[in-house]
C-alpha atoms as a PDB file:
ATOM      1  CA  MET A   1     -71.043-181.250  49.341  1.00  0.00           C
ATOM      2  CA  ILE A   2     -72.101-177.778  50.491  1.00  0.00           C
ATOM      3  CA  LEU A   3     -73.259-177.447  54.090  1.00  0.00           C
ATOM      4  CA  TYR A   4     -75.422-174.611  55.374  1.00  0.00           C
ATOM      5  CA  GLU A   5     -74.898-173.023  58.767  1.00  0.00           C
ATOM      6  CA  LYS A   6     -78.278-171.466  59.567  1.00  0.00           C
ATOM      7  CA  SER A   7     -78.954-168.389  61.665  1.00  0.00           C
ATOM      8  CA  CYS A   8     -81.975-166.137  62.120  1.00  0.00           C
ATOM      9  CA  GLY A   9     -82.409-162.559  63.195  1.00  0.00           C
ATOM     10  CA  ALA A  10     -84.274-159.383  62.452  1.00  0.00           C
ATOM     11  CA  VAL A  11     -84.046-155.794  61.432  1.00  0.00           C
ATOM     12  CA  VAL A  12     -85.412-154.280  64.645  1.00  0.00           C
ATOM     13  CA  PHE A  13     -86.817-150.768  64.725  1.00  0.00           C
ATOM     14  CA  THR A  14     -88.728-148.288  66.825  1.00  0.00           C
ATOM     15  CA  ILE A  15     -90.190-144.869  66.103  1.00  0.00           C
ATOM     16  CA  GLU A  16     -88.567-142.113  68.152  1.00  0.00           C
ATOM     17  CA  ASP A  17     -89.173-138.383  67.604  1.00  0.00           C
ATOM     18  CA  ASN A  18     -91.020-139.234  64.368  1.00  0.00           C
ATOM     19  CA  LEU A  19     -87.911-141.001  63.034  1.00  0.00           C
ATOM     20  CA  ILE A  20     -87.447-144.677  62.275  1.00  0.00           C
ATOM     21  CA  LYS A  21     -84.505-145.851  64.361  1.00  0.00           C
ATOM     22  CA  TYR A  22     -82.863-149.242  63.962  1.00  0.00           C
ATOM     23  CA  VAL A  23     -81.178-151.435  66.569  1.00  0.00           C
ATOM     24  CA  ILE A  24     -77.660-151.919  65.221  1.00  0.00           C
ATOM     25  CA  ILE A  25     -75.202-154.211  66.969  1.00  0.00           C
ATOM     26  CA  GLU A  26     -71.420-154.083  66.839  1.00  0.00           C
ATOM     27  CA  SER A  27     -69.641-157.438  67.088  1.00  0.00           C
ATOM     28  CA  LEU A  28     -66.490-157.990  69.118  1.00  0.00           C
ATOM     29  CA  GLU A  29     -64.623-157.732  65.795  1.00  0.00           C
ATOM     30  CA  GLY A  30     -66.079-154.258  65.172  1.00  0.00           C
ATOM     31  CA  ILE A  31     -68.548-155.364  62.485  1.00  0.00           C
ATOM     32  CA  PHE A  32     -71.933-153.580  62.480  1.00  0.00           C
ATOM     33  CA  GLY A  33     -75.094-155.531  61.729  1.00  0.00           C
ATOM     34  CA  PHE A  34     -78.398-156.825  63.040  1.00  0.00           C
ATOM     35  CA  PRO A  35     -79.181-159.082  66.017  1.00  0.00           C
ATOM     36  CA  LYS A  36     -79.041-162.728  64.912  1.00  0.00           C
ATOM     37  CA  GLY A  37     -77.840-166.151  65.981  1.00  0.00           C
ATOM     38  CA  HIS A  38     -77.821-169.887  65.421  1.00  0.00           C
ATOM     39  CA  MET A  39     -80.936-172.016  65.427  1.00  0.00           C
ATOM     40  CA  GLU A  40     -81.235-174.465  68.304  1.00  0.00           C
ATOM     41  CA  ASP A  41     -82.846-177.913  68.325  1.00  0.00           C
ATOM     42  CA  ASN A  42     -86.574-177.667  67.623  1.00  0.00           C
ATOM     43  CA  GLU A  43     -86.856-173.890  67.206  1.00  0.00           C
ATOM     44  CA  THR A  44     -88.662-172.279  64.322  1.00  0.00           C
ATOM     45  CA  LYS A  45     -86.910-169.483  62.472  1.00  0.00           C
ATOM     46  CA  LEU A  46     -89.086-166.894  64.245  1.00  0.00           C
ATOM     47  CA  ASP A  47     -88.401-168.501  67.638  1.00  0.00           C
ATOM     48  CA  THR A  48     -84.667-168.280  66.972  1.00  0.00           C
ATOM     49  CA  ALA A  49     -84.871-164.643  65.916  1.00  0.00           C
ATOM     50  CA  LYS A  50     -86.944-163.686  68.984  1.00  0.00           C
ATOM     51  CA  ARG A  51     -84.595-165.517  71.373  1.00  0.00           C
ATOM     52  CA  GLU A  52     -81.445-164.107  69.813  1.00  0.00           C
ATOM     53  CA  ILE A  53     -82.772-160.527  69.844  1.00  0.00           C
ATOM     54  CA  PHE A  54     -83.605-160.857  73.534  1.00  0.00           C
ATOM     55  CA  GLU A  55     -80.235-162.457  74.350  1.00  0.00           C
ATOM     56  CA  GLU A  56     -78.210-159.902  72.404  1.00  0.00           C
ATOM     57  CA  VAL A  57     -80.045-156.635  73.122  1.00  0.00           C
ATOM     58  CA  GLY A  58     -82.511-157.417  75.925  1.00  0.00           C
ATOM     59  CA  ILE A  59     -85.743-156.388  74.223  1.00  0.00           C
ATOM     60  CA  ASN A  60     -88.965-158.190  73.371  1.00  0.00           C
ATOM     61  CA  VAL A  61     -90.169-157.559  69.839  1.00  0.00           C
ATOM     62  CA  ASP A  62     -93.260-157.914  67.696  1.00  0.00           C
ATOM     63  CA  PHE A  63     -92.673-159.277  64.211  1.00  0.00           C
ATOM     64  CA  ILE A  64     -94.103-157.459  61.204  1.00  0.00           C
ATOM     65  CA  LYS A  65     -95.809-159.888  58.847  1.00  0.00           C
ATOM     66  CA  GLY A  66     -94.772-160.027  55.209  1.00  0.00           C
ATOM     67  CA  PHE A  67     -91.053-159.269  55.439  1.00  0.00           C
ATOM     68  CA  ARG A  68     -88.350-161.900  55.088  1.00  0.00           C
ATOM     69  CA  THR A  69     -84.978-161.691  53.384  1.00  0.00           C
ATOM     70  CA  ILE A  70     -81.972-163.985  53.241  1.00  0.00           C
ATOM     71  CA  ASP A  71     -78.238-163.328  53.272  1.00  0.00           C
ATOM     72  CA  GLU A  72     -75.804-166.045  52.224  1.00  0.00           C
ATOM     73  CA  HIS A  73     -72.024-165.968  52.143  1.00  0.00           C
ATOM     74  CA  PRO A  74     -69.172-168.484  52.302  1.00  0.00           C
ATOM     75  CA  LEU A  75     -67.311-168.846  55.587  1.00  0.00           C
ATOM     76  CA  PRO A  76     -63.641-168.043  54.936  1.00  0.00           C
ATOM     77  CA  ASN A  77     -62.177-170.559  57.387  1.00  0.00           C
ATOM     78  CA  ARG A  78     -64.582-173.380  56.513  1.00  0.00           C
ATOM     79  CA  PRO A  79     -64.511-174.612  52.911  1.00  0.00           C
ATOM     80  CA  ASN A  80     -67.844-175.896  51.569  1.00  0.00           C
ATOM     81  CA  VAL A  81     -69.836-174.118  54.312  1.00  0.00           C
ATOM     82  CA  ILE A  82     -72.295-171.370  53.448  1.00  0.00           C
ATOM     83  CA  LYS A  83     -73.655-169.153  56.236  1.00  0.00           C
ATOM     84  CA  GLN A  84     -77.360-168.554  55.632  1.00  0.00           C
ATOM     85  CA  VAL A  85     -79.119-165.907  57.703  1.00  0.00           C
ATOM     86  CA  VAL A  86     -82.880-165.384  57.520  1.00  0.00           C
ATOM     87  CA  TYR A  87     -83.893-161.868  58.575  1.00  0.00           C
ATOM     88  CA  PHE A  88     -87.354-160.787  59.628  1.00  0.00           C
ATOM     89  CA  LEU A  89     -88.629-157.325  60.515  1.00  0.00           C
ATOM     90  CA  ALA A  90     -89.587-156.511  64.100  1.00  0.00           C
ATOM     91  CA  ASN A  91     -90.459-153.489  66.170  1.00  0.00           C
ATOM     92  CA  TYR A  92     -90.542-152.597  69.840  1.00  0.00           C
ATOM     93  CA  ASN A  93     -91.578-149.718  72.068  1.00  0.00           C
ATOM     94  CA  ASN A  94     -90.499-148.278  75.419  1.00  0.00           C
ATOM     95  CA  GLN A  95     -87.710-150.714  76.250  1.00  0.00           C
ATOM     96  CA  LYS A  96     -84.099-149.987  77.057  1.00  0.00           C
ATOM     97  CA  ILE A  97     -81.427-151.726  74.996  1.00  0.00           C
ATOM     98  CA  LYS A  98     -79.074-153.749  77.188  1.00  0.00           C
ATOM     99  CA  TYR A  99     -76.504-155.498  75.041  1.00  0.00           C
ATOM    100  CA  GLN A 100     -74.744-158.780  75.760  1.00  0.00           C
ATOM    101  CA  GLU A 101     -71.242-157.589  76.673  1.00  0.00           C
ATOM    102  CA  SER A 102     -69.702-161.061  76.274  1.00  0.00           C
ATOM    103  CA  GLU A 103     -70.683-161.085  72.576  1.00  0.00           C
ATOM    104  CA  LEU A 104     -70.973-157.437  71.522  1.00  0.00           C
ATOM    105  CA  LEU A 105     -68.993-154.201  71.707  1.00  0.00           C
ATOM    106  CA  SER A 106     -72.184-152.150  71.493  1.00  0.00           C
ATOM    107  CA  ALA A 107     -75.805-151.947  70.442  1.00  0.00           C
ATOM    108  CA  LYS A 108     -77.431-148.646  69.659  1.00  0.00           C
ATOM    109  CA  LEU A 109     -80.265-146.968  67.854  1.00  0.00           C
ATOM    110  CA  MET A 110     -79.334-145.456  64.513  1.00  0.00           C
ATOM    111  CA  THR A 111     -81.238-143.704  61.771  1.00  0.00           C
ATOM    112  CA  TYR A 112     -81.189-145.249  58.313  1.00  0.00           C
ATOM    113  CA  ASP A 113     -78.351-142.965  57.169  1.00  0.00           C
ATOM    114  CA  GLU A 114     -76.277-143.556  60.301  1.00  0.00           C
ATOM    115  CA  ALA A 115     -76.609-147.314  59.916  1.00  0.00           C
ATOM    116  CA  ILE A 116     -75.713-147.225  56.206  1.00  0.00           C
ATOM    117  CA  ASP A 117     -72.623-145.153  57.037  1.00  0.00           C
ATOM    118  CA  ASN A 118     -71.513-147.675  59.687  1.00  0.00           C
ATOM    119  CA  PHE A 119     -72.107-150.907  57.755  1.00  0.00           C
ATOM    120  CA  GLN A 120     -68.995-152.533  56.304  1.00  0.00           C
ATOM    121  CA  PHE A 121     -70.863-155.028  54.101  1.00  0.00           C
ATOM    122  CA  ASP A 122     -73.067-154.369  51.087  1.00  0.00           C
ATOM    123  CA  SER A 123     -75.369-157.194  52.187  1.00  0.00           C
ATOM    124  CA  SER A 124     -76.193-155.304  55.413  1.00  0.00           C
ATOM    125  CA  LYS A 125     -76.927-152.168  53.382  1.00  0.00           C
ATOM    126  CA  ARG A 126     -79.199-154.170  51.058  1.00  0.00           C
ATOM    127  CA  ILE A 127     -81.097-155.743  53.950  1.00  0.00           C
ATOM    128  CA  LEU A 128     -81.612-152.380  55.648  1.00  0.00           C
ATOM    129  CA  TYR A 129     -82.724-150.813  52.369  1.00  0.00           C
ATOM    130  CA  GLU A 130     -85.299-153.585  51.835  1.00  0.00           C
ATOM    131  CA  ALA A 131     -86.563-153.295  55.417  1.00  0.00           C
ATOM    132  CA  ASN A 132     -86.749-149.497  55.284  1.00  0.00           C
ATOM    133  CA  GLU A 133     -88.713-149.582  52.021  1.00  0.00           C
ATOM    134  CA  PHE A 134     -91.089-152.171  53.504  1.00  0.00           C
ATOM    135  CA  ILE A 135     -91.680-149.996  56.578  1.00  0.00           C
ATOM    136  CA  LEU A 136     -92.324-146.885  54.483  1.00  0.00           C
ATOM    137  CA  LYS A 137     -94.735-148.674  52.134  1.00  0.00           C
ATOM    138  CA  ASN A 138     -96.494-151.118  54.472  1.00  0.00           C
ATOM    139  CA  VAL A 139     -96.107-150.120  58.117  1.00  0.00           C
ATOM    140  CA  LEU A 140     -96.240-146.335  58.305  1.00  0.00           C
ATOM    141  CA  ARG A 141     -99.114-146.063  55.842  1.00  0.00           C
ATOM    142  CA  ARG A 142    -101.541-147.865  58.163  1.00  0.00           C
END
């Protein structure tokens, strides 16, 4: 039987100097990605994402309707367990990133190209690509 370990997070962005900049975290293992974490008791997926973003990078976000993507991959040390992460899209303004030092090496704003260059996993590149396209087509055109 396959078990799913569920997490939620978001591709978080802001507009700075007319550039889209993304909040990219670096795990203690040196892996770059997006803020995310495990669902707790009666949380919705959006509640989990909002809580985890605040815990990991200290900012309050507004979710952008219409974007949702999923990443799934097996966990190497746990046979029959698939990690499933639901990602939303969120933005914020005028807040300082303060990352959770017990869980992260860093959190910083990066342009699309900087983030792509730092990502180790194709799934992170795919998620950022999808989010960036959504922003260009649906958010900035308003």
